[in-house]
């Protein structure tokens, strides 16, 4: 079952980038007992996103674009976020 934070990540990234592929993976269970694990079950995520918006953009800038689109989630309600952002065909 997908929780509310994962759904919010998916919605925000879909609105910002109209991705051809988007996977939001909840990694929280594997961080149980670690720093930042808040017991909510939604504190650590991996995102794999493919969008034309990333064509010709550096890896660092892609990360910044995703973080900007997510607003206050990273560093707030989401303790850790791993991002793999690609342009189609990469």
PDB file of N, CA and C in Angstrom:
ATOM      1  N   UNK A   1       0.837  -1.187   0.000  1.00  0.00           N
ATOM      2  CA  UNK A   1       0.000   0.000   0.000  1.00  0.00           C
ATOM      3  C   UNK A   1       0.885   1.255   0.000  1.00  0.00           C
ATOM      4  N   UNK A   2       0.546   2.197  -0.835  1.00  0.00           N
ATOM      5  CA  UNK A   2       1.309   3.437  -0.942  1.00  0.00           C
ATOM      6  C   UNK A   2       0.767   4.446   0.062  1.00  0.00           C
ATOM      7  N   UNK A   3       1.680   5.039   0.831  1.00  0.00           N
ATOM      8  CA  UNK A   3       1.292   5.998   1.851  1.00  0.00           C
ATOM      9  C   UNK A   3       1.132   7.409   1.305  1.00  0.00           C
ATOM     10  N   UNK A   4       0.654   8.336   2.143  1.00  0.00           N
ATOM     11  CA  UNK A   4       0.378   9.695   1.705  1.00  0.00           C
ATOM     12  C   UNK A   4       1.611  10.476   1.254  1.00  0.00           C
ATOM     13  N   UNK A   5       2.749  10.257   1.871  1.00  0.00           N
ATOM     14  CA  UNK A   5       3.949  10.992   1.450  1.00  0.00           C
ATOM     15  C   UNK A   5       4.418  10.497   0.090  1.00  0.00           C
ATOM     16  N   UNK A   6       4.420   9.191  -0.120  1.00  0.00           N
ATOM     17  CA  UNK A   6       4.802   8.648  -1.430  1.00  0.00           C
ATOM     18  C   UNK A   6       3.870   9.171  -2.518  1.00  0.00           C
ATOM     19  N   UNK A   7       2.584   9.239  -2.230  1.00  0.00           N
ATOM     20  CA  UNK A   7       1.618   9.765  -3.199  1.00  0.00           C
ATOM     21  C   UNK A   7       1.865  11.247  -3.483  1.00  0.00           C
ATOM     22  N   UNK A   8       2.241  11.998  -2.453  1.00  0.00           N
ATOM     23  CA  UNK A   8       2.545  13.424  -2.639  1.00  0.00           C
ATOM     24  C   UNK A   8       3.798  13.604  -3.497  1.00  0.00           C
ATOM     25  N   UNK A   9       4.823  12.785  -3.262  1.00  0.00           N
ATOM     26  CA  UNK A   9       6.038  12.832  -4.085  1.00  0.00           C
ATOM     27  C   UNK A   9       5.664  12.555  -5.541  1.00  0.00           C
ATOM     28  N   UNK A  10       4.888  11.511  -5.759  1.00  0.00           N
ATOM     29  CA  UNK A  10       4.477  11.141  -7.115  1.00  0.00           C
ATOM     30  C   UNK A  10       3.690  12.264  -7.781  1.00  0.00           C
ATOM     31  N   UNK A  11       2.753  12.848  -7.066  1.00  0.00           N
ATOM     32  CA  UNK A  11       1.935  13.933  -7.626  1.00  0.00           C
ATOM     33  C   UNK A  11       2.788  15.142  -7.993  1.00  0.00           C
ATOM     34  N   UNK A  12       3.659  15.558  -7.087  1.00  0.00           N
ATOM     35  CA  UNK A  12       4.473  16.750  -7.340  1.00  0.00           C
ATOM     36  C   UNK A  12       5.417  16.545  -8.529  1.00  0.00           C
ATOM     37  N   UNK A  13       6.031  15.368  -8.607  1.00  0.00           N
ATOM     38  CA  UNK A  13       6.960  15.113  -9.707  1.00  0.00           C
ATOM     39  C   UNK A  13       6.227  14.961 -11.038  1.00  0.00           C
ATOM     40  N   UNK A  14       5.051  14.383 -11.014  1.00  0.00           N
ATOM     41  CA  UNK A  14       4.253  14.253 -12.234  1.00  0.00           C
ATOM     42  C   UNK A  14       3.841  15.626 -12.743  1.00  0.00           C
ATOM     43  N   UNK A  15       3.408  16.493 -11.849  1.00  0.00           N
ATOM     44  CA  UNK A  15       3.014  17.852 -12.233  1.00  0.00           C
ATOM     45  C   UNK A  15       4.195  18.649 -12.771  1.00  0.00           C
ATOM     46  N   UNK A  16       5.353  18.499 -12.158  1.00  0.00           N
ATOM     47  CA  UNK A  16       6.526  19.298 -12.534  1.00  0.00           C
ATOM     48  C   UNK A  16       7.199  18.818 -13.818  1.00  0.00           C
ATOM     49  N   UNK A  17       7.227  17.504 -14.048  1.00  0.00           N
ATOM     50  CA  UNK A  17       8.070  16.965 -15.113  1.00  0.00           C
ATOM     51  C   UNK A  17       7.354  16.124 -16.165  1.00  0.00           C
ATOM     52  N   UNK A  18       6.081  15.815 -15.996  1.00  0.00           N
ATOM     53  CA  UNK A  18       5.353  14.938 -16.930  1.00  0.00           C
ATOM     54  C   UNK A  18       6.249  13.759 -17.342  1.00  0.00           C
ATOM     55  N   UNK A  19       6.691  12.963 -16.383  1.00  0.00           N
ATOM     56  CA  UNK A  19       7.681  11.920 -16.671  1.00  0.00           C
ATOM     57  C   UNK A  19       7.136  10.792 -17.546  1.00  0.00           C
ATOM     58  N   UNK A  20       8.033  10.228 -18.358  1.00  0.00           N
ATOM     59  CA  UNK A  20       7.686   9.035 -19.127  1.00  0.00           C
ATOM     60  C   UNK A  20       7.838   7.799 -18.247  1.00  0.00           C
ATOM     61  N   UNK A  21       8.578   7.942 -17.152  1.00  0.00           N
ATOM     62  CA  UNK A  21       8.727   6.866 -16.172  1.00  0.00           C
ATOM     63  C   UNK A  21       8.940   7.499 -14.808  1.00  0.00           C
ATOM     64  N   UNK A  22       8.265   6.949 -13.810  1.00  0.00           N
ATOM     65  CA  UNK A  22       8.431   7.435 -12.445  1.00  0.00           C
ATOM     66  C   UNK A  22       8.211   6.285 -11.478  1.00  0.00           C
ATOM     67  N   UNK A  23       9.223   6.022 -10.664  1.00  0.00           N
ATOM     68  CA  UNK A  23       9.121   5.023  -9.608  1.00  0.00           C
ATOM     69  C   UNK A  23       9.485   5.704  -8.296  1.00  0.00           C
ATOM     70  N   UNK A  24       8.568   5.651  -7.347  1.00  0.00           N
ATOM     71  CA  UNK A  24       8.811   6.165  -6.002  1.00  0.00           C
ATOM     72  C   UNK A  24       8.861   4.945  -5.094  1.00  0.00           C
ATOM     73  N   UNK A  25      10.036   4.683  -4.544  1.00  0.00           N
ATOM     74  CA  UNK A  25      10.258   3.479  -3.752  1.00  0.00           C
ATOM     75  C   UNK A  25      10.457   3.874  -2.291  1.00  0.00           C
ATOM     76  N   UNK A  26       9.638   3.281  -1.422  1.00  0.00           N
ATOM     77  CA  UNK A  26       9.743   3.552   0.007  1.00  0.00           C
ATOM     78  C   UNK A  26      10.804   2.626   0.598  1.00  0.00           C
ATOM     79  N   UNK A  27      11.925   3.203   1.010  1.00  0.00           N
ATOM     80  CA  UNK A  27      13.040   2.453   1.585  1.00  0.00           C
ATOM     81  C   UNK A  27      13.035   2.486   3.113  1.00  0.00           C
ATOM     82  N   UNK A  28      11.995   3.004   3.705  1.00  0.00           N
ATOM     83  CA  UNK A  28      11.978   3.254   5.153  1.00  0.00           C
ATOM     84  C   UNK A  28      12.199   2.001   5.984  1.00  0.00           C
ATOM     85  N   UNK A  29      11.618   0.887   5.592  1.00  0.00           N
ATOM     86  CA  UNK A  29      11.731  -0.342   6.390  1.00  0.00           C
ATOM     87  C   UNK A  29      13.181  -0.769   6.568  1.00  0.00           C
ATOM     88  N   UNK A  30      14.013  -0.521   5.573  1.00  0.00           N
ATOM     89  CA  UNK A  30      15.413  -0.924   5.678  1.00  0.00           C
ATOM     90  C   UNK A  30      16.232   0.039   6.539  1.00  0.00           C
ATOM     91  N   UNK A  31      15.603   1.115   7.002  1.00  0.00           N
ATOM     92  CA  UNK A  31      16.295   2.092   7.852  1.00  0.00           C
ATOM     93  C   UNK A  31      15.733   2.117   9.266  1.00  0.00           C
ATOM     94  N   UNK A  32      14.917   1.132   9.604  1.00  0.00           N
ATOM     95  CA  UNK A  32      14.320   1.065  10.935  1.00  0.00           C
ATOM     96  C   UNK A  32      15.430   1.107  12.004  1.00  0.00           C
ATOM     97  N   UNK A  33      15.278   2.018  12.938  1.00  0.00           N
ATOM     98  CA  UNK A  33      16.254   2.150  14.018  1.00  0.00           C
ATOM     99  C   UNK A  33      17.422   3.058  13.689  1.00  0.00           C
ATOM    100  N   UNK A  34      17.524   3.514  12.438  1.00  0.00           N
ATOM    101  CA  UNK A  34      18.618   4.414  12.042  1.00  0.00           C
ATOM    102  C   UNK A  34      18.200   5.866  12.267  1.00  0.00           C
ATOM    103  N   UNK A  35      19.153   6.742  12.187  1.00  0.00           N
ATOM    104  CA  UNK A  35      18.872   8.172  12.308  1.00  0.00           C
ATOM    105  C   UNK A  35      17.870   8.599  11.251  1.00  0.00           C
ATOM    106  N   UNK A  36      16.929   9.422  11.660  1.00  0.00           N
ATOM    107  CA  UNK A  36      15.937   9.937  10.726  1.00  0.00           C
ATOM    108  C   UNK A  36      14.719   9.057  10.564  1.00  0.00           C
ATOM    109  N   UNK A  37      14.765   7.837  11.056  1.00  0.00           N
ATOM    110  CA  UNK A  37      13.599   6.959  10.976  1.00  0.00           C
ATOM    111  C   UNK A  37      12.635   7.410  12.053  1.00  0.00           C
ATOM    112  N   UNK A  38      11.495   7.959  11.647  1.00  0.00           N
ATOM    113  CA  UNK A  38      10.575   8.570  12.600  1.00  0.00           C
ATOM    114  C   UNK A  38       9.407   7.674  13.011  1.00  0.00           C
ATOM    115  N   UNK A  39       9.414   6.440  12.541  1.00  0.00           N
ATOM    116  CA  UNK A  39       8.341   5.524  12.894  1.00  0.00           C
ATOM    117  C   UNK A  39       7.112   5.644  12.024  1.00  0.00           C
ATOM    118  N   UNK A  40       7.085   6.617  11.118  1.00  0.00           N
ATOM    119  CA  UNK A  40       5.921   6.824  10.255  1.00  0.00           C
ATOM    120  C   UNK A  40       5.848   5.794   9.133  1.00  0.00           C
ATOM    121  N   UNK A  41       6.977   5.162   8.840  1.00  0.00           N
ATOM    122  CA  UNK A  41       7.023   4.242   7.711  1.00  0.00           C
ATOM    123  C   UNK A  41       7.237   4.958   6.395  1.00  0.00           C
ATOM    124  N   UNK A  42       7.417   6.281   6.439  1.00  0.00           N
ATOM    125  CA  UNK A  42       7.647   7.066   5.228  1.00  0.00           C
ATOM    126  C   UNK A  42       8.700   8.145   5.483  1.00  0.00           C
ATOM    127  N   UNK A  43       9.922   7.720   5.722  1.00  0.00           N
ATOM    128  CA  UNK A  43      10.992   8.677   6.014  1.00  0.00           C
ATOM    129  C   UNK A  43      12.137   8.609   5.016  1.00  0.00           C
ATOM    130  N   UNK A  44      12.282   7.496   4.312  1.00  0.00           N
ATOM    131  CA  UNK A  44      13.389   7.291   3.368  1.00  0.00           C
ATOM    132  C   UNK A  44      12.822   6.806   2.032  1.00  0.00           C
ATOM    133  N   UNK A  45      13.212   7.483   0.950  1.00  0.00           N
ATOM    134  CA  UNK A  45      12.696   7.130  -0.373  1.00  0.00           C
ATOM    135  C   UNK A  45      13.798   7.141  -1.422  1.00  0.00           C
ATOM    136  N   UNK A  46      13.565   6.378  -2.473  1.00  0.00           N
ATOM    137  CA  UNK A  46      14.351   6.454  -3.701  1.00  0.00           C
ATOM    138  C   UNK A  46      13.381   6.835  -4.812  1.00  0.00           C
ATOM    139  N   UNK A  47      13.834   7.710  -5.690  1.00  0.00           N
ATOM    140  CA  UNK A  47      13.017   8.131  -6.821  1.00  0.00           C
ATOM    141  C   UNK A  47      13.810   7.875  -8.095  1.00  0.00           C
ATOM    142  N   UNK A  48      13.186   7.200  -9.039  1.00  0.00           N
ATOM    143  CA  UNK A  48      13.745   7.030 -10.372  1.00  0.00           C
ATOM    144  C   UNK A  48      12.774   7.694 -11.331  1.00  0.00           C
ATOM    145  N   UNK A  49      13.263   8.720 -12.034  1.00  0.00           N
ATOM    146  CA  UNK A  49      12.399   9.506 -12.899  1.00  0.00           C
ATOM    147  C   UNK A  49      13.070   9.726 -14.249  1.00  0.00           C
ATOM    148  N   UNK A  50      12.270   9.607 -15.302  1.00  0.00           N
ATOM    149  CA  UNK A  50      12.739   9.865 -16.666  1.00  0.00           C
ATOM    150  C   UNK A  50      11.825  10.920 -17.266  1.00  0.00           C
ATOM    151  N   UNK A  51      12.424  11.992 -17.771  1.00  0.00           N
ATOM    152  CA  UNK A  51      11.638  13.094 -18.328  1.00  0.00           C
ATOM    153  C   UNK A  51      12.457  13.862 -19.356  1.00  0.00           C
ATOM    154  N   UNK A  52      11.773  14.392 -20.340  1.00  0.00           N
ATOM    155  CA  UNK A  52      12.416  15.260 -21.331  1.00  0.00           C
ATOM    156  C   UNK A  52      12.988  16.514 -20.669  1.00  0.00           C
ATOM    157  N   UNK A  53      12.451  16.886 -19.525  1.00  0.00           N
ATOM    158  CA  UNK A  53      12.928  18.081 -18.815  1.00  0.00           C
ATOM    159  C   UNK A  53      14.392  17.968 -18.413  1.00  0.00           C
ATOM    160  N   UNK A  54      14.928  16.745 -18.363  1.00  0.00           N
ATOM    161  CA  UNK A  54      16.312  16.542 -17.937  1.00  0.00           C
ATOM    162  C   UNK A  54      17.287  16.473 -19.104  1.00  0.00           C
ATOM    163  N   UNK A  55      16.796  16.577 -20.328  1.00  0.00           N
ATOM    164  CA  UNK A  55      17.669  16.499 -21.497  1.00  0.00           C
ATOM    165  C   UNK A  55      18.631  17.687 -21.508  1.00  0.00           C
ATOM    166  N   UNK A  56      19.933  17.393 -21.620  1.00  0.00           N
ATOM    167  CA  UNK A  56      20.959  18.428 -21.676  1.00  0.00           C
ATOM    168  C   UNK A  56      21.249  19.092 -20.335  1.00  0.00           C
ATOM    169  N   UNK A  57      20.770  18.494 -19.249  1.00  0.00           N
ATOM    170  CA  UNK A  57      20.933  19.068 -17.907  1.00  0.00           C
ATOM    171  C   UNK A  57      21.894  18.181 -17.110  1.00  0.00           C
ATOM    172  N   UNK A  58      22.803  18.782 -16.365  1.00  0.00           N
ATOM    173  CA  UNK A  58      23.772  18.025 -15.573  1.00  0.00           C
ATOM    174  C   UNK A  58      23.077  17.233 -14.469  1.00  0.00           C
ATOM    175  N   UNK A  59      23.766  16.222 -13.980  1.00  0.00           N
ATOM    176  CA  UNK A  59      23.234  15.394 -12.904  1.00  0.00           C
ATOM    177  C   UNK A  59      22.906  16.232 -11.666  1.00  0.00           C
ATOM    178  N   UNK A  60      23.799  17.140 -11.309  1.00  0.00           N
ATOM    179  CA  UNK A  60      23.587  17.990 -10.140  1.00  0.00           C
ATOM    180  C   UNK A  60      22.358  18.876 -10.327  1.00  0.00           C
ATOM    181  N   UNK A  61      22.217  19.460 -11.504  1.00  0.00           N
ATOM    182  CA  UNK A  61      21.064  20.325 -11.756  1.00  0.00           C
ATOM    183  C   UNK A  61      19.758  19.528 -11.747  1.00  0.00           C
ATOM    184  N   UNK A  62      19.800  18.297 -12.227  1.00  0.00           N
ATOM    185  CA  UNK A  62      18.609  17.433 -12.190  1.00  0.00           C
ATOM    186  C   UNK A  62      18.184  17.198 -10.741  1.00  0.00           C
ATOM    187  N   UNK A  63      19.167  16.923  -9.875  1.00  0.00           N
ATOM    188  CA  UNK A  63      18.875  16.713  -8.454  1.00  0.00           C
ATOM    189  C   UNK A  63      18.228  17.965  -7.865  1.00  0.00           C
ATOM    190  N   UNK A  64      18.768  19.112  -8.198  1.00  0.00           N
ATOM    191  CA  UNK A  64      18.218  20.374  -7.698  1.00  0.00           C
ATOM    192  C   UNK A  64      16.795  20.594  -8.201  1.00  0.00           C
ATOM    193  N   UNK A  65      16.550  20.262  -9.466  1.00  0.00           N
ATOM    194  CA  UNK A  65      15.216  20.421 -10.045  1.00  0.00           C
ATOM    195  C   UNK A  65      14.194  19.556  -9.296  1.00  0.00           C
ATOM    196  N   UNK A  66      14.562  18.322  -9.016  1.00  0.00           N
ATOM    197  CA  UNK A  66      13.667  17.406  -8.300  1.00  0.00           C
ATOM    198  C   UNK A  66      13.424  17.922  -6.882  1.00  0.00           C
ATOM    199  N   UNK A  67      14.482  18.313  -6.191  1.00  0.00           N
ATOM    200  CA  UNK A  67      14.319  18.833  -4.828  1.00  0.00           C
ATOM    201  C   UNK A  67      13.447  20.081  -4.804  1.00  0.00           C
ATOM    202  N   UNK A  68      13.625  20.963  -5.772  1.00  0.00           N
ATOM    203  CA  UNK A  68      12.800  22.169  -5.855  1.00  0.00           C
ATOM    204  C   UNK A  68      11.334  21.805  -6.066  1.00  0.00           C
ATOM    205  N   UNK A  69      11.081  20.856  -6.957  1.00  0.00           N
ATOM    206  CA  UNK A  69       9.701  20.431  -7.229  1.00  0.00           C
ATOM    207  C   UNK A  69       9.045  19.833  -5.987  1.00  0.00           C
ATOM    208  N   UNK A  70       9.839  19.194  -5.138  1.00  0.00           N
ATOM    209  CA  UNK A  70       9.287  18.554  -3.937  1.00  0.00           C
ATOM    210  C   UNK A  70       9.105  19.523  -2.776  1.00  0.00           C
ATOM    211  N   UNK A  71       9.609  20.739  -2.916  1.00  0.00           N
ATOM    212  CA  UNK A  71       9.384  21.760  -1.898  1.00  0.00           C
ATOM    213  C   UNK A  71       9.961  21.393  -0.548  1.00  0.00           C
ATOM    214  N   UNK A  72       9.105  21.390   0.480  1.00  0.00           N
ATOM    215  CA  UNK A  72       9.563  21.178   1.850  1.00  0.00           C
ATOM    216  C   UNK A  72       9.667  19.710   2.248  1.00  0.00           C
ATOM    217  N   UNK A  73       9.377  18.783   1.336  1.00  0.00           N
ATOM    218  CA  UNK A  73       9.446  17.357   1.699  1.00  0.00           C
ATOM    219  C   UNK A  73      10.860  16.902   2.051  1.00  0.00           C
ATOM    220  N   UNK A  74      11.859  17.087   1.169  1.00  0.00           N
ATOM    221  CA  UNK A  74      13.219  16.659   1.529  1.00  0.00           C
ATOM    222  C   UNK A  74      13.756  17.495   2.695  1.00  0.00           C
ATOM    223  N   UNK A  75      14.264  16.827   3.695  1.00  0.00           N
ATOM    224  CA  UNK A  75      14.788  17.537   4.858  1.00  0.00           C
ATOM    225  C   UNK A  75      13.723  17.890   5.874  1.00  0.00           C
ATOM    226  N   UNK A  76      12.470  17.692   5.496  1.00  0.00           N
ATOM    227  CA  UNK A  76      11.359  17.936   6.413  1.00  0.00           C
ATOM    228  C   UNK A  76      10.724  16.609   6.766  1.00  0.00           C
ATOM    229  N   UNK A  77       9.626  16.312   6.092  1.00  0.00           N
ATOM    230  CA  UNK A  77       8.928  15.049   6.358  1.00  0.00           C
ATOM    231  C   UNK A  77       9.663  13.840   5.796  1.00  0.00           C
ATOM    232  N   UNK A  78      10.553  14.080   4.837  1.00  0.00           N
ATOM    233  CA  UNK A  78      11.366  12.996   4.259  1.00  0.00           C
ATOM    234  C   UNK A  78      12.806  13.204   4.716  1.00  0.00           C
ATOM    235  N   UNK A  79      13.324  12.234   5.459  1.00  0.00           N
ATOM    236  CA  UNK A  79      14.681  12.351   6.002  1.00  0.00           C
ATOM    237  C   UNK A  79      15.734  12.128   4.922  1.00  0.00           C
ATOM    238  N   UNK A  80      15.517  11.148   4.043  1.00  0.00           N
ATOM    239  CA  UNK A  80      16.514  10.813   3.023  1.00  0.00           C
ATOM    240  C   UNK A  80      15.818  10.546   1.695  1.00  0.00           C
ATOM    241  N   UNK A  81      16.419  11.066   0.620  1.00  0.00           N
ATOM    242  CA  UNK A  81      15.865  10.901  -0.716  1.00  0.00           C
ATOM    243  C   UNK A  81      17.001  10.643  -1.692  1.00  0.00           C
ATOM    244  N   UNK A  82      16.991   9.460  -2.303  1.00  0.00           N
ATOM    245  CA  UNK A  82      17.970   9.128  -3.347  1.00  0.00           C
ATOM    246  C   UNK A  82      17.277   9.382  -4.692  1.00  0.00           C
ATOM    247  N   UNK A  83      17.948  10.095  -5.580  1.00  0.00           N
ATOM    248  CA  UNK A  83      17.342  10.505  -6.849  1.00  0.00           C
ATOM    249  C   UNK A  83      18.163   9.985  -8.017  1.00  0.00           C
ATOM    250  N   UNK A  84      17.495   9.302  -8.950  1.00  0.00           N
ATOM    251  CA  UNK A  84      18.070   8.934 -10.238  1.00  0.00           C
ATOM    252  C   UNK A  84      17.191   9.593 -11.285  1.00  0.00           C
ATOM    253  N   UNK A  85      17.675  10.669 -11.873  1.00  0.00           N
ATOM    254  CA  UNK A  85      16.912  11.431 -12.867  1.00  0.00           C
ATOM    255  C   UNK A  85      17.602  11.290 -14.224  1.00  0.00           C
ATOM    256  N   UNK A  86      16.832  10.882 -15.218  1.00  0.00           N
ATOM    257  CA  UNK A  86      17.384  10.656 -16.554  1.00  0.00           C
ATOM    258  C   UNK A  86      16.507  11.296 -17.617  1.00  0.00           C
ATOM    259  N   UNK A  87      17.114  11.572 -18.738  1.00  0.00           N
ATOM    260  CA  UNK A  87      16.370  11.957 -19.932  1.00  0.00           C
ATOM    261  C   UNK A  87      16.051  10.677 -20.697  1.00  0.00           C
ATOM    262  N   UNK A  88      15.006  10.652 -21.514  1.00  0.00           N
ATOM    263  CA  UNK A  88      14.704   9.463 -22.288  1.00  0.00           C
ATOM    264  C   UNK A  88      15.901   9.018 -23.124  1.00  0.00           C
ATOM    265  N   UNK A  89      16.127   7.726 -23.149  1.00  0.00           N
ATOM    266  CA  UNK A  89      17.224   7.157 -23.932  1.00  0.00           C
ATOM    267  C   UNK A  89      18.541   7.041 -23.192  1.00  0.00           C
ATOM    268  N   UNK A  90      18.605   7.543 -21.986  1.00  0.00           N
ATOM    269  CA  UNK A  90      19.844   7.448 -21.203  1.00  0.00           C
ATOM    270  C   UNK A  90      19.894   6.145 -20.437  1.00  0.00           C
TER     271      UNK A  90
END
